[in-house]
N, C-alpha and C. Protein backbone atom coordinates (compact mmCIF):
# COMPACT_ATOMS: atom_id res chain seq x y z
N MET A 1 -11.40 -38.44 -13.51
CA MET A 1 -11.39 -37.74 -12.25
C MET A 1 -12.70 -36.98 -12.12
N ASP A 2 -13.41 -37.26 -11.07
CA ASP A 2 -14.70 -36.63 -10.84
C ASP A 2 -14.52 -35.48 -9.85
N VAL A 3 -14.97 -34.30 -10.23
CA VAL A 3 -14.84 -33.13 -9.37
C VAL A 3 -16.21 -32.80 -8.80
N ASP A 4 -16.26 -32.73 -7.50
CA ASP A 4 -17.50 -32.39 -6.80
C ASP A 4 -17.82 -30.92 -7.06
N SER A 5 -19.07 -30.61 -7.34
CA SER A 5 -19.45 -29.23 -7.66
C SER A 5 -19.26 -28.30 -6.47
N ILE A 6 -19.45 -28.78 -5.28
CA ILE A 6 -19.25 -27.94 -4.08
C ILE A 6 -17.76 -27.60 -3.94
N THR A 7 -16.91 -28.57 -4.18
CA THR A 7 -15.47 -28.33 -4.10
C THR A 7 -15.04 -27.32 -5.16
N LEU A 8 -15.51 -27.49 -6.37
CA LEU A 8 -15.19 -26.55 -7.45
C LEU A 8 -15.70 -25.16 -7.11
N PHE A 9 -16.92 -25.06 -6.59
CA PHE A 9 -17.48 -23.77 -6.19
C PHE A 9 -16.63 -23.12 -5.10
N ALA A 10 -16.18 -23.90 -4.14
CA ALA A 10 -15.35 -23.36 -3.06
C ALA A 10 -14.02 -22.85 -3.59
N ILE A 11 -13.40 -23.57 -4.52
CA ILE A 11 -12.13 -23.13 -5.10
C ILE A 11 -12.30 -21.84 -5.87
N VAL A 12 -13.35 -21.76 -6.68
CA VAL A 12 -13.61 -20.55 -7.46
C VAL A 12 -13.91 -19.38 -6.54
N LEU A 13 -14.69 -19.61 -5.50
CA LEU A 13 -15.01 -18.55 -4.56
C LEU A 13 -13.77 -18.06 -3.82
N MET A 14 -12.91 -18.98 -3.42
CA MET A 14 -11.67 -18.58 -2.75
C MET A 14 -10.77 -17.78 -3.69
N ALA A 15 -10.72 -18.16 -4.96
CA ALA A 15 -9.92 -17.42 -5.93
C ALA A 15 -10.46 -16.00 -6.11
N ILE A 16 -11.78 -15.86 -6.16
CA ILE A 16 -12.40 -14.54 -6.30
C ILE A 16 -12.10 -13.68 -5.08
N VAL A 17 -12.23 -14.24 -3.89
CA VAL A 17 -11.96 -13.49 -2.67
C VAL A 17 -10.49 -13.08 -2.59
N THR A 18 -9.59 -13.98 -2.97
CA THR A 18 -8.16 -13.66 -2.96
C THR A 18 -7.86 -12.52 -3.93
N TYR A 19 -8.39 -12.61 -5.13
CA TYR A 19 -8.18 -11.55 -6.10
C TYR A 19 -8.78 -10.23 -5.61
N ALA A 20 -9.96 -10.28 -5.04
CA ALA A 20 -10.62 -9.06 -4.56
C ALA A 20 -9.82 -8.38 -3.46
N THR A 21 -9.27 -9.15 -2.53
CA THR A 21 -8.49 -8.53 -1.46
C THR A 21 -7.20 -7.91 -2.00
N ARG A 22 -6.57 -8.59 -2.94
CA ARG A 22 -5.33 -8.02 -3.52
C ARG A 22 -5.63 -6.79 -4.36
N ALA A 23 -6.62 -6.88 -5.23
CA ALA A 23 -6.98 -5.74 -6.08
C ALA A 23 -7.51 -4.59 -5.23
N GLY A 24 -8.27 -4.93 -4.20
CA GLY A 24 -8.79 -3.87 -3.31
C GLY A 24 -7.67 -3.17 -2.56
N GLY A 25 -6.68 -3.92 -2.13
CA GLY A 25 -5.54 -3.30 -1.46
C GLY A 25 -4.77 -2.38 -2.38
N LEU A 26 -4.56 -2.81 -3.62
CA LEU A 26 -3.87 -1.94 -4.58
C LEU A 26 -4.70 -0.70 -4.89
N TRP A 27 -6.00 -0.88 -5.03
CA TRP A 27 -6.87 0.26 -5.30
C TRP A 27 -6.84 1.24 -4.14
N LEU A 28 -6.92 0.73 -2.91
CA LEU A 28 -6.88 1.58 -1.74
C LEU A 28 -5.54 2.29 -1.60
N ALA A 29 -4.46 1.59 -1.87
CA ALA A 29 -3.13 2.20 -1.76
C ALA A 29 -2.95 3.31 -2.79
N SER A 30 -3.55 3.17 -3.95
CA SER A 30 -3.42 4.22 -4.97
C SER A 30 -4.21 5.47 -4.59
N ARG A 31 -5.18 5.33 -3.70
CA ARG A 31 -5.99 6.47 -3.26
C ARG A 31 -5.40 7.22 -2.07
N LEU A 32 -4.45 6.58 -1.37
CA LEU A 32 -3.86 7.20 -0.18
C LEU A 32 -2.65 8.04 -0.55
N ASP A 33 -2.49 9.14 0.17
CA ASP A 33 -1.32 9.99 0.00
C ASP A 33 -0.37 9.72 1.16
N LEU A 34 0.63 8.89 0.91
CA LEU A 34 1.54 8.47 1.97
C LEU A 34 2.75 9.40 2.06
N SER A 35 3.26 9.53 3.26
CA SER A 35 4.48 10.31 3.45
C SER A 35 5.67 9.51 2.91
N GLU A 36 6.79 10.19 2.76
CA GLU A 36 7.99 9.49 2.27
C GLU A 36 8.42 8.41 3.25
N ARG A 37 8.25 8.67 4.53
CA ARG A 37 8.62 7.70 5.55
C ARG A 37 7.75 6.44 5.45
N ALA A 38 6.45 6.63 5.26
CA ALA A 38 5.54 5.49 5.13
C ALA A 38 5.83 4.70 3.86
N GLU A 39 6.14 5.40 2.77
CA GLU A 39 6.49 4.71 1.52
C GLU A 39 7.78 3.92 1.68
N ALA A 40 8.76 4.49 2.36
CA ALA A 40 10.02 3.78 2.60
C ALA A 40 9.77 2.53 3.44
N PHE A 41 8.91 2.65 4.45
CA PHE A 41 8.55 1.51 5.29
C PHE A 41 7.92 0.41 4.46
N LEU A 42 6.95 0.76 3.62
CA LEU A 42 6.25 -0.22 2.80
C LEU A 42 7.18 -0.85 1.75
N ASP A 43 8.16 -0.08 1.27
CA ASP A 43 9.10 -0.62 0.29
C ASP A 43 10.00 -1.70 0.88
N HIS A 44 10.21 -1.68 2.20
CA HIS A 44 11.10 -2.65 2.84
C HIS A 44 10.37 -3.91 3.33
N ILE A 45 9.07 -3.94 3.25
CA ILE A 45 8.31 -5.10 3.74
C ILE A 45 8.63 -6.39 2.97
N PRO A 46 8.70 -6.39 1.63
CA PRO A 46 8.99 -7.65 0.94
C PRO A 46 10.32 -8.27 1.35
N GLY A 47 11.34 -7.47 1.51
CA GLY A 47 12.63 -7.99 1.95
C GLY A 47 12.58 -8.57 3.35
N ALA A 48 11.86 -7.90 4.23
CA ALA A 48 11.72 -8.40 5.60
C ALA A 48 10.97 -9.72 5.64
N ILE A 49 9.96 -9.85 4.81
CA ILE A 49 9.20 -11.11 4.76
C ILE A 49 10.09 -12.23 4.21
N LEU A 50 10.86 -11.94 3.17
CA LEU A 50 11.76 -12.95 2.61
C LEU A 50 12.78 -13.41 3.65
N ILE A 51 13.37 -12.47 4.37
CA ILE A 51 14.34 -12.82 5.42
C ILE A 51 13.68 -13.66 6.50
N SER A 52 12.46 -13.30 6.89
CA SER A 52 11.79 -14.05 7.96
C SER A 52 11.45 -15.47 7.54
N LEU A 53 11.30 -15.72 6.25
CA LEU A 53 11.03 -17.07 5.76
C LEU A 53 12.31 -17.87 5.57
N VAL A 54 13.38 -17.22 5.13
CA VAL A 54 14.62 -17.92 4.81
C VAL A 54 15.49 -18.14 6.04
N ALA A 55 15.56 -17.19 6.96
CA ALA A 55 16.49 -17.27 8.09
C ALA A 55 16.33 -18.53 8.94
N PRO A 56 15.13 -18.93 9.34
CA PRO A 56 15.02 -20.16 10.14
C PRO A 56 15.51 -21.41 9.41
N VAL A 57 15.30 -21.47 8.12
CA VAL A 57 15.75 -22.62 7.33
C VAL A 57 17.28 -22.64 7.28
N VAL A 58 17.88 -21.48 7.11
CA VAL A 58 19.35 -21.40 7.05
C VAL A 58 19.95 -21.75 8.40
N VAL A 59 19.39 -21.22 9.48
CA VAL A 59 19.93 -21.49 10.82
C VAL A 59 19.84 -22.98 11.14
N ALA A 60 18.75 -23.60 10.79
CA ALA A 60 18.57 -25.02 11.09
C ALA A 60 19.22 -25.93 10.06
N GLY A 61 19.67 -25.38 8.95
CA GLY A 61 20.17 -26.19 7.85
C GLY A 61 21.58 -26.71 8.00
N GLY A 62 22.34 -26.22 8.94
CA GLY A 62 23.69 -26.71 9.13
C GLY A 62 24.70 -25.98 8.26
N PRO A 63 25.94 -26.44 8.30
CA PRO A 63 27.02 -25.75 7.59
C PRO A 63 26.82 -25.63 6.08
N ALA A 64 26.22 -26.61 5.43
CA ALA A 64 25.98 -26.51 3.98
C ALA A 64 25.06 -25.34 3.68
N ALA A 65 24.02 -25.19 4.47
CA ALA A 65 23.09 -24.08 4.28
C ALA A 65 23.76 -22.76 4.62
N TRP A 66 24.61 -22.76 5.62
CA TRP A 66 25.31 -21.52 6.00
C TRP A 66 26.23 -21.05 4.89
N LEU A 67 26.98 -22.00 4.30
CA LEU A 67 27.88 -21.64 3.20
C LEU A 67 27.10 -21.18 1.97
N ALA A 68 26.01 -21.85 1.67
CA ALA A 68 25.19 -21.45 0.52
C ALA A 68 24.57 -20.07 0.74
N ALA A 69 24.12 -19.80 1.96
CA ALA A 69 23.55 -18.49 2.27
C ALA A 69 24.60 -17.41 2.18
N ALA A 70 25.82 -17.71 2.65
CA ALA A 70 26.90 -16.73 2.56
C ALA A 70 27.24 -16.43 1.10
N ALA A 71 27.28 -17.47 0.26
CA ALA A 71 27.56 -17.26 -1.16
C ALA A 71 26.46 -16.45 -1.82
N ALA A 72 25.21 -16.75 -1.49
CA ALA A 72 24.08 -16.00 -2.06
C ALA A 72 24.11 -14.56 -1.60
N ALA A 73 24.43 -14.32 -0.32
CA ALA A 73 24.51 -12.95 0.19
C ALA A 73 25.63 -12.18 -0.49
N LEU A 74 26.74 -12.83 -0.73
CA LEU A 74 27.86 -12.17 -1.41
C LEU A 74 27.48 -11.78 -2.84
N VAL A 75 26.83 -12.69 -3.54
CA VAL A 75 26.40 -12.38 -4.91
C VAL A 75 25.37 -11.24 -4.91
N ALA A 76 24.44 -11.28 -3.97
CA ALA A 76 23.43 -10.22 -3.89
C ALA A 76 24.08 -8.87 -3.60
N TRP A 77 25.05 -8.88 -2.71
CA TRP A 77 25.72 -7.63 -2.33
C TRP A 77 26.56 -7.08 -3.48
N ARG A 78 27.30 -7.97 -4.18
CA ARG A 78 28.20 -7.51 -5.24
C ARG A 78 27.47 -7.15 -6.53
N THR A 79 26.40 -7.88 -6.85
CA THR A 79 25.73 -7.65 -8.14
C THR A 79 24.39 -6.94 -8.01
N GLY A 80 23.76 -7.06 -6.85
CA GLY A 80 22.42 -6.49 -6.68
C GLY A 80 21.34 -7.31 -7.37
N SER A 81 21.67 -8.52 -7.80
CA SER A 81 20.73 -9.36 -8.53
C SER A 81 20.13 -10.41 -7.59
N LEU A 82 18.84 -10.31 -7.36
CA LEU A 82 18.15 -11.30 -6.53
C LEU A 82 18.12 -12.66 -7.23
N LEU A 83 17.87 -12.64 -8.52
CA LEU A 83 17.84 -13.90 -9.28
C LEU A 83 19.21 -14.58 -9.25
N GLY A 84 20.26 -13.81 -9.46
CA GLY A 84 21.61 -14.38 -9.42
C GLY A 84 21.94 -14.95 -8.05
N ALA A 85 21.54 -14.25 -6.99
CA ALA A 85 21.79 -14.74 -5.64
C ALA A 85 21.05 -16.04 -5.38
N MET A 86 19.81 -16.14 -5.84
CA MET A 86 19.04 -17.36 -5.64
C MET A 86 19.65 -18.52 -6.42
N VAL A 87 20.09 -18.28 -7.64
CA VAL A 87 20.70 -19.34 -8.45
C VAL A 87 21.99 -19.83 -7.78
N VAL A 88 22.82 -18.89 -7.32
CA VAL A 88 24.07 -19.28 -6.66
C VAL A 88 23.78 -20.03 -5.37
N GLY A 89 22.82 -19.58 -4.58
CA GLY A 89 22.49 -20.25 -3.33
C GLY A 89 22.00 -21.68 -3.55
N VAL A 90 21.12 -21.85 -4.51
CA VAL A 90 20.60 -23.19 -4.81
C VAL A 90 21.70 -24.08 -5.37
N ALA A 91 22.52 -23.53 -6.26
CA ALA A 91 23.62 -24.32 -6.83
C ALA A 91 24.61 -24.75 -5.74
N CYS A 92 24.91 -23.84 -4.82
CA CYS A 92 25.84 -24.17 -3.74
C CYS A 92 25.27 -25.26 -2.83
N ILE A 93 24.03 -25.13 -2.44
CA ILE A 93 23.47 -26.13 -1.52
C ILE A 93 23.39 -27.49 -2.21
N LEU A 94 23.04 -27.51 -3.49
CA LEU A 94 23.00 -28.78 -4.23
C LEU A 94 24.39 -29.39 -4.35
N ALA A 95 25.36 -28.56 -4.66
CA ALA A 95 26.73 -29.06 -4.81
C ALA A 95 27.28 -29.57 -3.48
N LEU A 96 27.08 -28.81 -2.41
CA LEU A 96 27.62 -29.21 -1.12
C LEU A 96 26.95 -30.47 -0.58
N ARG A 97 25.66 -30.61 -0.82
CA ARG A 97 24.96 -31.79 -0.33
C ARG A 97 25.21 -33.03 -1.20
N SER A 98 25.69 -32.83 -2.41
CA SER A 98 25.93 -33.98 -3.28
C SER A 98 27.34 -34.52 -3.16
N LEU A 99 28.24 -33.82 -2.52
CA LEU A 99 29.60 -34.31 -2.35
C LEU A 99 29.61 -35.42 -1.31
N PRO A 100 29.96 -36.64 -1.72
CA PRO A 100 29.86 -37.77 -0.78
C PRO A 100 30.86 -37.68 0.37
N SER A 101 32.04 -37.10 0.15
CA SER A 101 33.03 -37.08 1.21
C SER A 101 32.74 -36.02 2.26
N VAL A 102 32.05 -34.96 1.90
CA VAL A 102 31.76 -33.92 2.87
C VAL A 102 30.30 -33.82 3.24
N ALA A 103 29.45 -34.59 2.60
CA ALA A 103 28.02 -34.51 2.89
C ALA A 103 27.70 -34.78 4.36
N PRO A 104 28.29 -35.81 5.00
CA PRO A 104 27.98 -36.01 6.42
C PRO A 104 28.47 -34.87 7.31
N VAL A 105 29.59 -34.26 6.95
CA VAL A 105 30.12 -33.16 7.73
C VAL A 105 29.25 -31.93 7.59
N LEU A 106 28.73 -31.69 6.39
CA LEU A 106 27.96 -30.49 6.11
C LEU A 106 26.46 -30.69 6.31
N SER A 107 26.05 -31.82 6.79
CA SER A 107 24.64 -32.10 7.02
C SER A 107 24.26 -31.73 8.45
N SER A 108 23.09 -31.17 8.62
CA SER A 108 22.66 -30.74 9.95
C SER A 108 22.39 -31.93 10.88
N GLN A 109 22.15 -33.11 10.33
CA GLN A 109 21.85 -34.25 11.19
C GLN A 109 23.08 -34.73 11.95
N PHE A 110 24.29 -34.36 11.47
CA PHE A 110 25.49 -34.76 12.17
C PHE A 110 26.09 -33.62 12.98
N LEU A 111 25.44 -32.48 12.96
CA LEU A 111 25.92 -31.32 13.69
C LEU A 111 25.42 -31.38 15.12
N VAL A 112 26.33 -31.30 16.06
CA VAL A 112 25.95 -31.37 17.47
C VAL A 112 26.05 -29.96 18.04
N LEU A 113 24.94 -29.46 18.51
CA LEU A 113 24.92 -28.14 19.13
C LEU A 113 24.85 -28.30 20.63
N GLY A 114 25.70 -27.61 21.34
CA GLY A 114 25.73 -27.74 22.80
C GLY A 114 25.03 -26.66 23.40
């Protein structure tokens, strides 16, 4: 495999810029004195981003995705474990989609929305 030097240079440069922006943001945040309200706001951003990425997939995924999301939400609520919720959600969607007798019913391609 032959790697072009310009391509390699571009990848290394992009990695440096990505690291610099992340490290610079952390450095800047450590220098700022934020109010409790601003800190609470910033603490909720990762969850909001996760929801904004997952919600469209769940809505469009059909009943199998809805059931898996409900199971994951229940585990997250009862245990507080994000990892446990993700494992349960993935296991549920895999199990529901692999059942031959219910796969067509739980698949979004057979779901008719009016």
